């Protein structure tokens, strides 16, 4: 069976969910990874049977399935310190409340629990998202961060996320953290430390996105092989570095499309990710879940780029079909 190819709706939340589903269905996507913001999915309504069915009906009308839902924005607020105006810009009024930081974190955690419940109602087994981090602010290591300071950050993550994961396990859903700057896990070694912090709970794994490894000069294929059992979901998104002596990998607080940035997202298939070896690595670990296109190229119209990305991934899948396809093709039964 071919891996389903889905479209992540996070960069399309300015459009009504019905319209995004129509576009994705017309382009030929197999399904959606639904973002829990805009009007796409309100997780607080997980116990509203009519609302849940309305989402499923929209998908069915457009020939789509749902393979994952994602709550990156709210997840960011669970562990972040400080909580400030940046969070006000991405959080719902319900989660932000009066903006008192600990209250925001508590409401964000409750929203993640509801996200697990909504996933179960939709028949979805994986929720993708962010965790936030109280120690990302110390990534530059100056002023120097002591071992105790860093350890408290991982303990804070564990204290806040273990109760959330209890709910995930109660309803039979997994959480996949996107290894990403500003998260508790942003590279290889912090991913290991994160798993250690929560005792390698089976309900917690990773949404693998190679674009966040390229600018850090990390081996994303080695990550897939070494963390094989923890790869719950895969994003297909490109990135490329533009280091010319003036442009740095930290981005210089410049907009994504600014040519002075040291790295940015580019149209799928024209950047730095070695996609065929990566898909072969996914075959090697037996990953047969969705490959979800996340469109973030600020230099290309998304109405052109999203169908182009689908064509690219379909062609790539034909070159490197998942292991089950080989089993079926050469079965003697």
C-alpha atoms as a PDB file:
ATOM      1  CA  UNK A   1       0.000   0.000   0.000  1.00  0.00           C
ATOM      2  CA  UNK A   2       1.334   3.446  -0.940  1.00  0.00           C
ATOM      3  CA  UNK A   3       1.857   5.964   1.798  1.00  0.00           C
ATOM      4  CA  UNK A   4      -0.946   8.537   1.853  1.00  0.00           C
ATOM      5  CA  UNK A   5       0.099  12.046   0.826  1.00  0.00           C
ATOM      6  CA  UNK A   6      -1.611  14.755   2.835  1.00  0.00           C
ATOM      7  CA  UNK A   7      -1.671  18.527   2.973  1.00  0.00           C
ATOM      8  CA  UNK A   8      -1.088  20.269   6.295  1.00  0.00           C
ATOM      9  CA  UNK A   9      -3.704  23.004   6.607  1.00  0.00           C
ATOM     10  CA  UNK A  10      -1.741  25.211   9.027  1.00  0.00           C
ATOM     11  CA  UNK A  11      -0.548  27.609   6.301  1.00  0.00           C
ATOM     12  CA  UNK A  12      -4.069  27.724   4.857  1.00  0.00           C
ATOM     13  CA  UNK A  13      -5.958  28.752   8.006  1.00  0.00           C
ATOM     14  CA  UNK A  14      -6.864  32.101   6.450  1.00  0.00           C
ATOM     15  CA  UNK A  15      -9.250  30.127   4.222  1.00  0.00           C
ATOM     16  CA  UNK A  16     -12.386  28.331   5.402  1.00  0.00           C
ATOM     17  CA  UNK A  17     -11.866  24.623   6.027  1.00  0.00           C
ATOM     18  CA  UNK A  18     -14.411  23.794   3.328  1.00  0.00           C
ATOM     19  CA  UNK A  19     -12.376  25.728   0.748  1.00  0.00           C
ATOM     20  CA  UNK A  20      -9.056  24.113   1.710  1.00  0.00           C
ATOM     21  CA  UNK A  21     -10.654  20.675   1.511  1.00  0.00           C
ATOM     22  CA  UNK A  22     -12.064  21.492  -1.930  1.00  0.00           C
ATOM     23  CA  UNK A  23      -8.665  22.593  -3.215  1.00  0.00           C
ATOM     24  CA  UNK A  24      -6.832  19.589  -1.780  1.00  0.00           C
ATOM     25  CA  UNK A  25      -9.428  17.200  -3.184  1.00  0.00           C
ATOM     26  CA  UNK A  26      -9.257  18.753  -6.650  1.00  0.00           C
ATOM     27  CA  UNK A  27      -5.467  18.566  -6.635  1.00  0.00           C
ATOM     28  CA  UNK A  28      -5.589  14.876  -5.741  1.00  0.00           C
ATOM     29  CA  UNK A  29      -4.300  14.755  -2.170  1.00  0.00           C
ATOM     30  CA  UNK A  30      -5.261  11.635  -0.231  1.00  0.00           C
ATOM     31  CA  UNK A  31      -6.192  13.568   2.870  1.00  0.00           C
ATOM     32  CA  UNK A  32      -5.416  16.355   5.280  1.00  0.00           C
ATOM     33  CA  UNK A  33      -3.385  16.972   8.382  1.00  0.00           C
ATOM     34  CA  UNK A  34      -5.855  19.355   9.994  1.00  0.00           C
ATOM     35  CA  UNK A  35      -4.615  22.368  11.939  1.00  0.00           C
ATOM     36  CA  UNK A  36      -6.479  23.196  15.149  1.00  0.00           C
ATOM     37  CA  UNK A  37      -6.788  26.901  14.418  1.00  0.00           C
ATOM     38  CA  UNK A  38      -8.634  29.198  12.053  1.00  0.00           C
ATOM     39  CA  UNK A  39     -12.024  27.618  11.487  1.00  0.00           C
ATOM     40  CA  UNK A  40     -10.449  24.280  10.576  1.00  0.00           C
ATOM     41  CA  UNK A  41     -10.865  22.454  13.883  1.00  0.00           C
ATOM     42  CA  UNK A  42     -12.065  23.644  17.304  1.00  0.00           C
ATOM     43  CA  UNK A  43     -10.848  21.009  19.749  1.00  0.00           C
ATOM     44  CA  UNK A  44     -12.967  22.408  22.568  1.00  0.00           C
ATOM     45  CA  UNK A  45     -15.953  20.911  20.721  1.00  0.00           C
ATOM     46  CA  UNK A  46     -14.659  17.350  20.900  1.00  0.00           C
ATOM     47  CA  UNK A  47     -17.845  16.205  22.685  1.00  0.00           C
ATOM     48  CA  UNK A  48     -20.172  17.880  20.143  1.00  0.00           C
ATOM     49  CA  UNK A  49     -21.106  14.949  17.905  1.00  0.00           C
ATOM     50  CA  UNK A  50     -22.724  17.151  15.256  1.00  0.00           C
ATOM     51  CA  UNK A  51     -19.633  19.353  14.997  1.00  0.00           C
ATOM     52  CA  UNK A  52     -17.267  16.377  14.725  1.00  0.00           C
ATOM     53  CA  UNK A  53     -19.476  14.858  12.026  1.00  0.00           C
ATOM     54  CA  UNK A  54     -19.485  18.156  10.121  1.00  0.00           C
ATOM     55  CA  UNK A  55     -15.691  17.955   9.783  1.00  0.00           C
ATOM     56  CA  UNK A  56     -15.892  14.355   8.576  1.00  0.00           C
ATOM     57  CA  UNK A  57     -18.645  15.264   6.115  1.00  0.00           C
ATOM     58  CA  UNK A  58     -16.504  18.011   4.561  1.00  0.00           C
ATOM     59  CA  UNK A  59     -13.677  15.538   4.093  1.00  0.00           C
ATOM     60  CA  UNK A  60     -15.957  12.917   2.564  1.00  0.00           C
ATOM     61  CA  UNK A  61     -17.500  15.385   0.111  1.00  0.00           C
ATOM     62  CA  UNK A  62     -14.033  16.140  -1.197  1.00  0.00           C
ATOM     63  CA  UNK A  63     -12.735  12.569  -1.335  1.00  0.00           C
ATOM     64  CA  UNK A  64     -10.329  13.064   1.563  1.00  0.00           C
ATOM     65  CA  UNK A  65      -9.392  11.321   4.783  1.00  0.00           C
ATOM     66  CA  UNK A  66      -7.817  12.721   7.942  1.00  0.00           C
ATOM     67  CA  UNK A  67      -4.591  11.036   9.060  1.00  0.00           C
ATOM     68  CA  UNK A  68      -3.406  13.480  11.730  1.00  0.00           C
ATOM     69  CA  UNK A  69      -4.411  16.702  13.459  1.00  0.00           C
ATOM     70  CA  UNK A  70      -1.966  19.331  14.651  1.00  0.00           C
ATOM     71  CA  UNK A  71      -2.002  21.838  17.482  1.00  0.00           C
ATOM     72  CA  UNK A  72       1.387  23.496  17.240  1.00  0.00           C
ATOM     73  CA  UNK A  73       0.272  26.967  18.308  1.00  0.00           C
ATOM     74  CA  UNK A  74      -1.345  26.013  21.590  1.00  0.00           C
ATOM     75  CA  UNK A  75       1.303  23.416  22.390  1.00  0.00           C
ATOM     76  CA  UNK A  76       3.934  26.154  22.227  1.00  0.00           C
ATOM     77  CA  UNK A  77       2.433  27.822  25.274  1.00  0.00           C
ATOM     78  CA  UNK A  78       2.520  24.761  27.539  1.00  0.00           C
ATOM     79  CA  UNK A  79       6.179  25.182  28.540  1.00  0.00           C
ATOM     80  CA  UNK A  80       7.289  28.518  27.150  1.00  0.00           C
ATOM     81  CA  UNK A  81       8.915  31.123  29.362  1.00  0.00           C
ATOM     82  CA  UNK A  82       8.366  33.996  28.966  1.00  0.00           C
ATOM     83  CA  UNK A  83       4.744  34.109  27.845  1.00  0.00           C
ATOM     84  CA  UNK A  84       4.347  37.425  26.036  1.00  0.00           C
ATOM     85  CA  UNK A  85       2.755  39.300  23.150  1.00  0.00           C
ATOM     86  CA  UNK A  86       4.039  36.744  20.642  1.00  0.00           C
ATOM     87  CA  UNK A  87       1.778  34.162  22.259  1.00  0.00           C
ATOM     88  CA  UNK A  88      -1.168  36.562  22.292  1.00  0.00           C
ATOM     89  CA  UNK A  89      -0.794  36.697  18.490  1.00  0.00           C
ATOM     90  CA  UNK A  90      -1.080  32.906  18.023  1.00  0.00           C
ATOM     91  CA  UNK A  91      -3.411  31.741  20.793  1.00  0.00           C
ATOM     92  CA  UNK A  92      -7.187  31.636  20.904  1.00  0.00           C
ATOM     93  CA  UNK A  93      -8.989  33.987  23.259  1.00  0.00           C
ATOM     94  CA  UNK A  94     -10.010  30.916  25.251  1.00  0.00           C
ATOM     95  CA  UNK A  95      -6.414  29.875  25.922  1.00  0.00           C
ATOM     96  CA  UNK A  96      -4.999  33.385  26.342  1.00  0.00           C
ATOM     97  CA  UNK A  97      -7.629  34.495  28.863  1.00  0.00           C
ATOM     98  CA  UNK A  98      -6.244  37.387  30.899  1.00  0.00           C
ATOM     99  CA  UNK A  99      -2.682  36.659  29.761  1.00  0.00           C
ATOM    100  CA  UNK A 100      -1.345  35.748  33.209  1.00  0.00           C
ATOM    101  CA  UNK A 101       1.518  33.380  32.239  1.00  0.00           C
ATOM    102  CA  UNK A 102       0.813  30.406  34.461  1.00  0.00           C
ATOM    103  CA  UNK A 103      -2.871  30.564  33.607  1.00  0.00           C
ATOM    104  CA  UNK A 104      -2.007  30.551  29.909  1.00  0.00           C
ATOM    105  CA  UNK A 105       0.201  27.495  30.374  1.00  0.00           C
ATOM    106  CA  UNK A 106      -2.513  25.682  32.311  1.00  0.00           C
ATOM    107  CA  UNK A 107      -5.204  26.432  29.739  1.00  0.00           C
ATOM    108  CA  UNK A 108      -2.846  25.426  26.927  1.00  0.00           C
ATOM    109  CA  UNK A 109      -2.293  22.058  28.632  1.00  0.00           C
ATOM    110  CA  UNK A 110      -6.045  21.578  28.960  1.00  0.00           C
ATOM    111  CA  UNK A 111      -6.444  22.403  25.267  1.00  0.00           C
ATOM    112  CA  UNK A 112      -3.872  19.739  24.365  1.00  0.00           C
ATOM    113  CA  UNK A 113      -5.849  17.212  26.384  1.00  0.00           C
ATOM    114  CA  UNK A 114      -8.948  18.185  24.412  1.00  0.00           C
ATOM    115  CA  UNK A 115      -6.904  17.800  21.223  1.00  0.00           C
ATOM    116  CA  UNK A 116      -6.292  14.159  22.117  1.00  0.00           C
ATOM    117  CA  UNK A 117     -10.013  13.692  22.747  1.00  0.00           C
ATOM    118  CA  UNK A 118     -10.891  15.326  19.422  1.00  0.00           C
ATOM    119  CA  UNK A 119      -8.416  13.087  17.601  1.00  0.00           C
ATOM    120  CA  UNK A 120     -10.057  10.018  19.106  1.00  0.00           C
ATOM    121  CA  UNK A 121     -13.494  11.239  18.008  1.00  0.00           C
ATOM    122  CA  UNK A 122     -12.208  11.719  14.455  1.00  0.00           C
ATOM    123  CA  UNK A 123     -10.593   8.272  14.431  1.00  0.00           C
ATOM    124  CA  UNK A 124      -7.115   9.773  14.277  1.00  0.00           C
ATOM    125  CA  UNK A 125      -4.176   8.134  16.055  1.00  0.00           C
ATOM    126  CA  UNK A 126      -1.590  10.939  15.890  1.00  0.00           C
ATOM    127  CA  UNK A 127      -1.544  14.545  17.069  1.00  0.00           C
ATOM    128  CA  UNK A 128       1.392  16.660  15.892  1.00  0.00           C
ATOM    129  CA  UNK A 129       2.567  19.794  17.590  1.00  0.00           C
ATOM    130  CA  UNK A 130       4.994  21.760  19.698  1.00  0.00           C
ATOM    131  CA  UNK A 131       5.753  21.599  23.409  1.00  0.00           C
ATOM    132  CA  UNK A 132       7.359  24.964  24.027  1.00  0.00           C
ATOM    133  CA  UNK A 133      10.457  25.197  26.206  1.00  0.00           C
ATOM    134  CA  UNK A 134      11.492  27.126  29.288  1.00  0.00           C
ATOM    135  CA  UNK A 135      15.175  26.770  28.331  1.00  0.00           C
ATOM    136  CA  UNK A 136      15.207  27.643  24.624  1.00  0.00           C
ATOM    137  CA  UNK A 137      15.974  31.201  25.754  1.00  0.00           C
ATOM    138  CA  UNK A 138      19.362  29.878  26.912  1.00  0.00           C
ATOM    139  CA  UNK A 139      20.321  28.312  23.581  1.00  0.00           C
ATOM    140  CA  UNK A 140      23.088  30.884  23.021  1.00  0.00           C
ATOM    141  CA  UNK A 141      24.613  29.771  26.347  1.00  0.00           C
ATOM    142  CA  UNK A 142      25.343  33.305  27.493  1.00  0.00           C
ATOM    143  CA  UNK A 143      24.857  34.275  30.164  1.00  0.00           C
ATOM    144  CA  UNK A 144      26.103  30.773  30.920  1.00  0.00           C
ATOM    145  CA  UNK A 145      23.388  28.221  31.708  1.00  0.00           C
ATOM    146  CA  UNK A 146      24.368  25.753  34.425  1.00  0.00           C
ATOM    147  CA  UNK A 147      23.644  22.039  34.195  1.00  0.00           C
ATOM    148  CA  UNK A 148      21.069  22.547  36.944  1.00  0.00           C
ATOM    149  CA  UNK A 149      19.332  25.278  34.944  1.00  0.00           C
ATOM    150  CA  UNK A 150      19.016  22.983  31.912  1.00  0.00           C
ATOM    151  CA  UNK A 151      17.922  20.039  34.062  1.00  0.00           C
ATOM    152  CA  UNK A 152      15.127  22.158  35.539  1.00  0.00           C
ATOM    153  CA  UNK A 153      13.931  22.861  32.002  1.00  0.00           C
ATOM    154  CA  UNK A 154      13.566  19.172  31.190  1.00  0.00           C
ATOM    155  CA  UNK A 155      11.908  18.552  34.550  1.00  0.00           C
ATOM    156  CA  UNK A 156       9.468  21.382  33.844  1.00  0.00           C
ATOM    157  CA  UNK A 157       8.665  19.755  30.490  1.00  0.00           C
ATOM    158  CA  UNK A 158       8.083  16.379  32.129  1.00  0.00           C
ATOM    159  CA  UNK A 159       5.918  17.845  34.893  1.00  0.00           C
ATOM    160  CA  UNK A 160       3.711  19.664  32.421  1.00  0.00           C
ATOM    161  CA  UNK A 161       3.492  17.004  29.709  1.00  0.00           C
ATOM    162  CA  UNK A 162       3.103  13.800  31.705  1.00  0.00           C
ATOM    163  CA  UNK A 163      -0.498  14.693  32.701  1.00  0.00           C
ATOM    164  CA  UNK A 164      -1.240  15.561  29.072  1.00  0.00           C
ATOM    165  CA  UNK A 165       0.178  12.230  27.914  1.00  0.00           C
ATOM    166  CA  UNK A 166      -1.967  10.448  30.508  1.00  0.00           C
ATOM    167  CA  UNK A 167      -5.018  11.682  28.580  1.00  0.00           C
ATOM    168  CA  UNK A 168      -3.464  10.739  25.236  1.00  0.00           C
ATOM    169  CA  UNK A 169      -2.970   7.198  26.500  1.00  0.00           C
ATOM    170  CA  UNK A 170      -6.482   7.045  27.946  1.00  0.00           C
ATOM    171  CA  UNK A 171      -7.985   7.710  24.501  1.00  0.00           C
ATOM    172  CA  UNK A 172      -5.436   5.730  22.466  1.00  0.00           C
ATOM    173  CA  UNK A 173      -3.730   8.636  20.679  1.00  0.00           C
ATOM    174  CA  UNK A 174      -0.028   9.516  20.306  1.00  0.00           C
ATOM    175  CA  UNK A 175       1.657  12.923  20.428  1.00  0.00           C
ATOM    176  CA  UNK A 176       4.354  13.704  17.844  1.00  0.00           C
ATOM    177  CA  UNK A 177       6.609  16.641  18.708  1.00  0.00           C
ATOM    178  CA  UNK A 178       8.051  18.406  15.683  1.00  0.00           C
ATOM    179  CA  UNK A 179      11.789  18.671  16.426  1.00  0.00           C
ATOM    180  CA  UNK A 180      12.170  22.356  15.778  1.00  0.00           C
ATOM    181  CA  UNK A 181      13.847  25.545  17.040  1.00  0.00           C
ATOM    182  CA  UNK A 182      12.181  26.897  20.209  1.00  0.00           C
ATOM    183  CA  UNK A 183      11.047  23.424  21.338  1.00  0.00           C
ATOM    184  CA  UNK A 184      12.343  21.263  24.185  1.00  0.00           C
ATOM    185  CA  UNK A 185      13.776  19.032  21.425  1.00  0.00           C
ATOM    186  CA  UNK A 186      15.346  20.952  18.553  1.00  0.00           C
ATOM    187  CA  UNK A 187      18.238  18.695  17.449  1.00  0.00           C
ATOM    188  CA  UNK A 188      19.633  15.170  17.878  1.00  0.00           C
ATOM    189  CA  UNK A 189      20.874  15.328  21.467  1.00  0.00           C
ATOM    190  CA  UNK A 190      17.975  17.362  22.800  1.00  0.00           C
ATOM    191  CA  UNK A 191      15.629  14.800  21.252  1.00  0.00           C
ATOM    192  CA  UNK A 192      17.362  12.083  23.291  1.00  0.00           C
ATOM    193  CA  UNK A 193      17.200  14.211  26.437  1.00  0.00           C
ATOM    194  CA  UNK A 194      13.483  14.838  25.871  1.00  0.00           C
ATOM    195  CA  UNK A 195      12.686  11.136  25.581  1.00  0.00           C
ATOM    196  CA  UNK A 196      14.750  10.450  28.703  1.00  0.00           C
ATOM    197  CA  UNK A 197      12.902  13.189  30.626  1.00  0.00           C
ATOM    198  CA  UNK A 198       9.548  11.403  30.244  1.00  0.00           C
ATOM    199  CA  UNK A 199      10.870   7.871  30.551  1.00  0.00           C
ATOM    200  CA  UNK A 200      10.394   7.021  26.859  1.00  0.00           C
ATOM    201  CA  UNK A 201       6.619   6.926  27.136  1.00  0.00           C
ATOM    202  CA  UNK A 202       5.181   5.099  24.111  1.00  0.00           C
ATOM    203  CA  UNK A 203       2.605   7.836  23.561  1.00  0.00           C
ATOM    204  CA  UNK A 204       5.323  10.435  22.850  1.00  0.00           C
ATOM    205  CA  UNK A 205       7.361  10.537  19.655  1.00  0.00           C
ATOM    206  CA  UNK A 206       8.338  12.824  16.808  1.00  0.00           C
ATOM    207  CA  UNK A 207       6.880  14.492  13.767  1.00  0.00           C
ATOM    208  CA  UNK A 208       9.956  14.315  11.535  1.00  0.00           C
ATOM    209  CA  UNK A 209      10.567  17.380   9.358  1.00  0.00           C
ATOM    210  CA  UNK A 210      13.972  17.438   7.610  1.00  0.00           C
ATOM    211  CA  UNK A 211      13.813  21.162   6.867  1.00  0.00           C
ATOM    212  CA  UNK A 212      14.706  21.998  10.458  1.00  0.00           C
ATOM    213  CA  UNK A 213      17.813  19.829  10.296  1.00  0.00           C
ATOM    214  CA  UNK A 214      19.310  21.342   7.131  1.00  0.00           C
ATOM    215  CA  UNK A 215      20.104  24.782   8.550  1.00  0.00           C
ATOM    216  CA  UNK A 216      21.579  23.179  11.677  1.00  0.00           C
ATOM    217  CA  UNK A 217      23.859  21.032   9.470  1.00  0.00           C
ATOM    218  CA  UNK A 218      22.506  17.852  11.047  1.00  0.00           C
ATOM    219  CA  UNK A 219      22.222  14.418   9.451  1.00  0.00           C
ATOM    220  CA  UNK A 220      18.465  13.980   9.116  1.00  0.00           C
ATOM    221  CA  UNK A 221      18.826  10.465   7.692  1.00  0.00           C
ATOM    222  CA  UNK A 222      20.789   9.364  10.756  1.00  0.00           C
ATOM    223  CA  UNK A 223      18.019  10.832  12.903  1.00  0.00           C
ATOM    224  CA  UNK A 224      15.400   8.711  11.130  1.00  0.00           C
ATOM    225  CA  UNK A 225      17.462   5.549  11.539  1.00  0.00           C
ATOM    226  CA  UNK A 226      18.403   6.166  15.172  1.00  0.00           C
ATOM    227  CA  UNK A 227      14.932   7.268  16.315  1.00  0.00           C
ATOM    228  CA  UNK A 228      13.045   4.800  14.131  1.00  0.00           C
ATOM    229  CA  UNK A 229      10.549   3.660  16.761  1.00  0.00           C
ATOM    230  CA  UNK A 230       9.730   7.258  17.670  1.00  0.00           C
ATOM    231  CA  UNK A 231       8.919   8.526  14.146  1.00  0.00           C
ATOM    232  CA  UNK A 232       5.128   8.879  14.295  1.00  0.00           C
ATOM    233  CA  UNK A 233       4.572  11.270  11.383  1.00  0.00           C
ATOM    234  CA  UNK A 234       6.546  12.862   8.535  1.00  0.00           C
ATOM    235  CA  UNK A 235       6.443  16.353   7.049  1.00  0.00           C
ATOM    236  CA  UNK A 236       7.670  16.968   3.518  1.00  0.00           C
ATOM    237  CA  UNK A 237       9.124  20.453   3.562  1.00  0.00           C
ATOM    238  CA  UNK A 238      12.301  21.818   1.980  1.00  0.00           C
ATOM    239  CA  UNK A 239      14.874  24.287   3.210  1.00  0.00           C
ATOM    240  CA  UNK A 240      18.108  25.679   1.884  1.00  0.00           C
ATOM    241  CA  UNK A 241      20.988  27.675   3.354  1.00  0.00           C
ATOM    242  CA  UNK A 242      22.220  30.925   1.851  1.00  0.00           C
ATOM    243  CA  UNK A 243      25.480  31.513   3.711  1.00  0.00           C
ATOM    244  CA  UNK A 244      27.667  34.044   1.912  1.00  0.00           C
ATOM    245  CA  UNK A 245      29.686  35.597   4.720  1.00  0.00           C
ATOM    246  CA  UNK A 246      26.937  38.041   5.654  1.00  0.00           C
ATOM    247  CA  UNK A 247      23.882  35.809   6.017  1.00  0.00           C
ATOM    248  CA  UNK A 248      23.718  33.720   9.188  1.00  0.00           C
ATOM    249  CA  UNK A 249      21.792  30.587  10.075  1.00  0.00           C
ATOM    250  CA  UNK A 250      19.923  32.375  12.873  1.00  0.00           C
ATOM    251  CA  UNK A 251      18.020  34.446  10.316  1.00  0.00           C
ATOM    252  CA  UNK A 252      18.811  37.948  11.605  1.00  0.00           C
ATOM    253  CA  UNK A 253      15.125  38.618  12.488  1.00  0.00           C
ATOM    254  CA  UNK A 254      14.411  38.949   8.750  1.00  0.00           C
ATOM    255  CA  UNK A 255      11.244  37.775   7.000  1.00  0.00           C
ATOM    256  CA  UNK A 256      11.309  34.361   5.327  1.00  0.00           C
ATOM    257  CA  UNK A 257      11.392  35.743   1.785  1.00  0.00           C
ATOM    258  CA  UNK A 258      14.209  38.225   2.485  1.00  0.00           C
ATOM    259  CA  UNK A 259      17.285  37.210   0.410  1.00  0.00           C
ATOM    260  CA  UNK A 260      19.570  38.329   3.246  1.00  0.00           C
ATOM    261  CA  UNK A 261      18.431  35.445   5.444  1.00  0.00           C
ATOM    262  CA  UNK A 262      20.952  32.655   5.922  1.00  0.00           C
ATOM    263  CA  UNK A 263      18.293  29.982   5.385  1.00  0.00           C
ATOM    264  CA  UNK A 264      14.734  29.771   4.224  1.00  0.00           C
ATOM    265  CA  UNK A 265      12.102  27.359   2.945  1.00  0.00           C
ATOM    266  CA  UNK A 266      12.039  26.663  -0.788  1.00  0.00           C
ATOM    267  CA  UNK A 267       9.743  24.870  -3.192  1.00  0.00           C
ATOM    268  CA  UNK A 268       9.752  21.109  -2.705  1.00  0.00           C
ATOM    269  CA  UNK A 269      12.494  19.266  -4.550  1.00  0.00           C
ATOM    270  CA  UNK A 270      14.798  22.209  -5.256  1.00  0.00           C
ATOM    271  CA  UNK A 271      16.605  22.616  -1.948  1.00  0.00           C
ATOM    272  CA  UNK A 272      19.066  20.807   0.249  1.00  0.00           C
ATOM    273  CA  UNK A 273      17.125  17.737   1.399  1.00  0.00           C
ATOM    274  CA  UNK A 274      18.226  14.526  -0.328  1.00  0.00           C
ATOM    275  CA  UNK A 275      14.722  13.174  -0.703  1.00  0.00           C
ATOM    276  CA  UNK A 276      15.346   9.806  -2.345  1.00  0.00           C
ATOM    277  CA  UNK A 277      17.857   8.623   0.291  1.00  0.00           C
ATOM    278  CA  UNK A 278      15.536   9.960   2.976  1.00  0.00           C
ATOM    279  CA  UNK A 279      12.558   8.017   1.643  1.00  0.00           C
ATOM    280  CA  UNK A 280      14.737   4.922   1.431  1.00  0.00           C
ATOM    281  CA  UNK A 281      15.587   5.439   5.107  1.00  0.00           C
ATOM    282  CA  UNK A 282      11.869   5.662   5.899  1.00  0.00           C
ATOM    283  CA  UNK A 283      11.447   2.362   4.050  1.00  0.00           C
ATOM    284  CA  UNK A 284      14.253   0.843   6.082  1.00  0.00           C
ATOM    285  CA  UNK A 285      12.555   1.656   9.382  1.00  0.00           C
ATOM    286  CA  UNK A 286       9.190   0.446   8.104  1.00  0.00           C
ATOM    287  CA  UNK A 287       7.447   3.802   8.184  1.00  0.00           C
ATOM    288  CA  UNK A 288       4.184   3.562   6.257  1.00  0.00           C
ATOM    289  CA  UNK A 289       2.303   6.543   7.673  1.00  0.00           C
ATOM    290  CA  UNK A 290       1.427   9.728   5.806  1.00  0.00           C
ATOM    291  CA  UNK A 291       3.882  12.086   4.189  1.00  0.00           C
ATOM    292  CA  UNK A 292       2.384  15.497   4.782  1.00  0.00           C
ATOM    293  CA  UNK A 293       3.215  18.478   2.589  1.00  0.00           C
ATOM    294  CA  UNK A 294       3.706  21.612   4.692  1.00  0.00           C
ATOM    295  CA  UNK A 295       3.738  24.603   2.382  1.00  0.00           C
ATOM    296  CA  UNK A 296       5.931  27.489   3.634  1.00  0.00           C
ATOM    297  CA  UNK A 297       7.757  28.828   0.585  1.00  0.00           C
ATOM    298  CA  UNK A 298       7.226  32.586   0.822  1.00  0.00           C
ATOM    299  CA  UNK A 299       8.638  33.009  -2.678  1.00  0.00           C
ATOM    300  CA  UNK A 300       6.077  30.876  -4.538  1.00  0.00           C
ATOM    301  CA  UNK A 301       2.304  31.144  -4.856  1.00  0.00           C
ATOM    302  CA  UNK A 302       0.875  28.321  -2.769  1.00  0.00           C
ATOM    303  CA  UNK A 303      -1.846  27.606  -5.336  1.00  0.00           C
ATOM    304  CA  UNK A 304       0.953  26.667  -7.717  1.00  0.00           C
ATOM    305  CA  UNK A 305       3.313  25.178  -5.169  1.00  0.00           C
ATOM    306  CA  UNK A 306       0.930  22.829  -3.365  1.00  0.00           C
ATOM    307  CA  UNK A 307      -0.045  20.813  -6.470  1.00  0.00           C
ATOM    308  CA  UNK A 308       3.588  20.884  -7.637  1.00  0.00           C
ATOM    309  CA  UNK A 309       4.633  19.453  -4.271  1.00  0.00           C
ATOM    310  CA  UNK A 310       2.046  16.688  -4.564  1.00  0.00           C
ATOM    311  CA  UNK A 311       3.360  15.719  -8.002  1.00  0.00           C
ATOM    312  CA  UNK A 312       6.913  15.671  -6.653  1.00  0.00           C
ATOM    313  CA  UNK A 313       6.063  13.420  -3.701  1.00  0.00           C
ATOM    314  CA  UNK A 314       3.969  11.081  -5.868  1.00  0.00           C
ATOM    315  CA  UNK A 315       6.886  10.658  -8.268  1.00  0.00           C
ATOM    316  CA  UNK A 316       9.274  10.118  -5.372  1.00  0.00           C
ATOM    317  CA  UNK A 317       6.965   7.487  -3.902  1.00  0.00           C
ATOM    318  CA  UNK A 318       7.021   5.616  -7.217  1.00  0.00           C
ATOM    319  CA  UNK A 319      10.820   5.537  -7.103  1.00  0.00           C
ATOM    320  CA  UNK A 320      10.995   4.488  -3.458  1.00  0.00           C
ATOM    321  CA  UNK A 321       7.754   2.696  -2.546  1.00  0.00           C
ATOM    322  CA  UNK A 322       7.342   1.645   1.082  1.00  0.00           C
ATOM    323  CA  UNK A 323       8.493  -1.786   2.135  1.00  0.00           C
ATOM    324  CA  UNK A 324       4.954  -3.201   2.101  1.00  0.00           C
ATOM    325  CA  UNK A 325       4.763  -2.500  -1.641  1.00  0.00           C
ATOM    326  CA  UNK A 326       7.792  -4.729  -2.224  1.00  0.00           C
ATOM    327  CA  UNK A 327       6.274  -7.424  -0.048  1.00  0.00           C
ATOM    328  CA  UNK A 328       3.062  -7.326  -2.069  1.00  0.00           C
ATOM    329  CA  UNK A 329       4.832  -7.278  -5.431  1.00  0.00           C
ATOM    330  CA  UNK A 330       7.042 -10.287  -4.663  1.00  0.00           C
ATOM    331  CA  UNK A 331       4.667 -12.300  -2.507  1.00  0.00           C
ATOM    332  CA  UNK A 332       4.434 -15.968  -3.521  1.00  0.00           C
ATOM    333  CA  UNK A 333       1.086 -16.428  -1.805  1.00  0.00           C
END
